[in-house]
């Protein structure tokens, strides 16, 4: 699963640490999610989407063939 978290962080002028604090995870978790090394739980993904005020489907998506 791919995501647009880095883009949304930039739009909101947030660092990985800022986002991590806001949703209660480590900065390393945010880094792993952004690099598609870790797929977040549904609850965590929804928290991120809610924080950025974007639909889940705009933030997380499948690539062709997934």
Protein backbone atom coordinates (compact mmCIF):
# COMPACT_ATOMS: atom_id res chain seq x y z
CA UNK A 1 0.00 0.00 0.00
CA UNK A 2 1.30 3.44 -0.94
CA UNK A 3 0.46 6.73 0.74
CA UNK A 4 0.62 10.51 0.46
CA UNK A 5 1.59 11.17 4.08
CA UNK A 6 4.78 13.01 3.19
CA UNK A 7 2.85 15.30 0.84
CA UNK A 8 0.22 16.03 3.49
CA UNK A 9 2.89 16.67 6.13
CA UNK A 10 4.49 19.22 3.81
CA UNK A 11 1.11 20.89 3.17
CA UNK A 12 0.60 21.17 6.93
CA UNK A 13 4.22 22.15 7.62
CA UNK A 14 4.69 19.15 9.93
CA UNK A 15 7.77 17.06 10.63
CA UNK A 16 7.61 13.31 11.11
CA UNK A 17 8.04 13.98 14.84
CA UNK A 18 5.12 16.43 14.85
CA UNK A 19 2.84 13.89 13.20
CA UNK A 20 4.04 11.10 15.47
CA UNK A 21 3.28 13.16 18.58
CA UNK A 22 -0.14 14.16 17.26
CA UNK A 23 -1.27 10.56 16.76
CA UNK A 24 0.69 8.86 19.54
CA UNK A 25 3.32 6.82 17.72
CA UNK A 26 7.10 7.04 17.26
CA UNK A 27 8.80 9.06 14.54
CA UNK A 28 10.28 5.78 13.32
CA UNK A 29 6.76 4.43 12.79
CA UNK A 30 5.87 7.42 10.62
CA UNK A 31 9.08 6.97 8.63
CA UNK A 32 8.33 3.27 8.06
CA UNK A 33 4.75 4.02 6.97
CA UNK A 34 5.90 6.77 4.56
CA UNK A 35 8.44 4.40 2.99
CA UNK A 36 5.79 1.66 2.66
CA UNK A 37 7.83 -0.63 4.89
CA UNK A 38 4.94 -0.86 7.34
CA UNK A 39 1.20 -0.90 6.72
CA UNK A 40 -0.59 0.92 9.53
CA UNK A 41 -3.61 -0.52 11.31
CA UNK A 42 -7.00 0.74 10.17
CA UNK A 43 -7.33 2.80 13.35
CA UNK A 44 -3.95 4.46 12.87
CA UNK A 45 -4.60 5.13 9.17
CA UNK A 46 -7.95 6.72 10.01
CA UNK A 47 -6.33 8.89 12.72
CA UNK A 48 -3.84 10.20 10.18
CA UNK A 49 -6.56 10.89 7.59
CA UNK A 50 -8.70 12.66 10.20
CA UNK A 51 -5.77 14.79 11.37
CA UNK A 52 -5.08 15.94 7.80
CA UNK A 53 -8.82 16.28 7.07
CA UNK A 54 -8.61 14.18 3.91
CA UNK A 55 -10.54 11.07 2.90
CA UNK A 56 -8.74 7.84 3.73
CA UNK A 57 -8.73 6.91 0.02
CA UNK A 58 -6.77 10.07 -0.85
CA UNK A 59 -4.11 9.30 1.74
CA UNK A 60 -3.69 5.54 1.24
CA UNK A 61 -3.98 3.66 -2.04
CA UNK A 62 -2.98 0.44 -3.79
CA UNK A 63 -0.58 0.47 -6.70
CA UNK A 64 -1.42 -1.33 -9.91
CA UNK A 65 -1.07 -5.07 -9.39
CA UNK A 66 -1.51 -4.96 -5.60
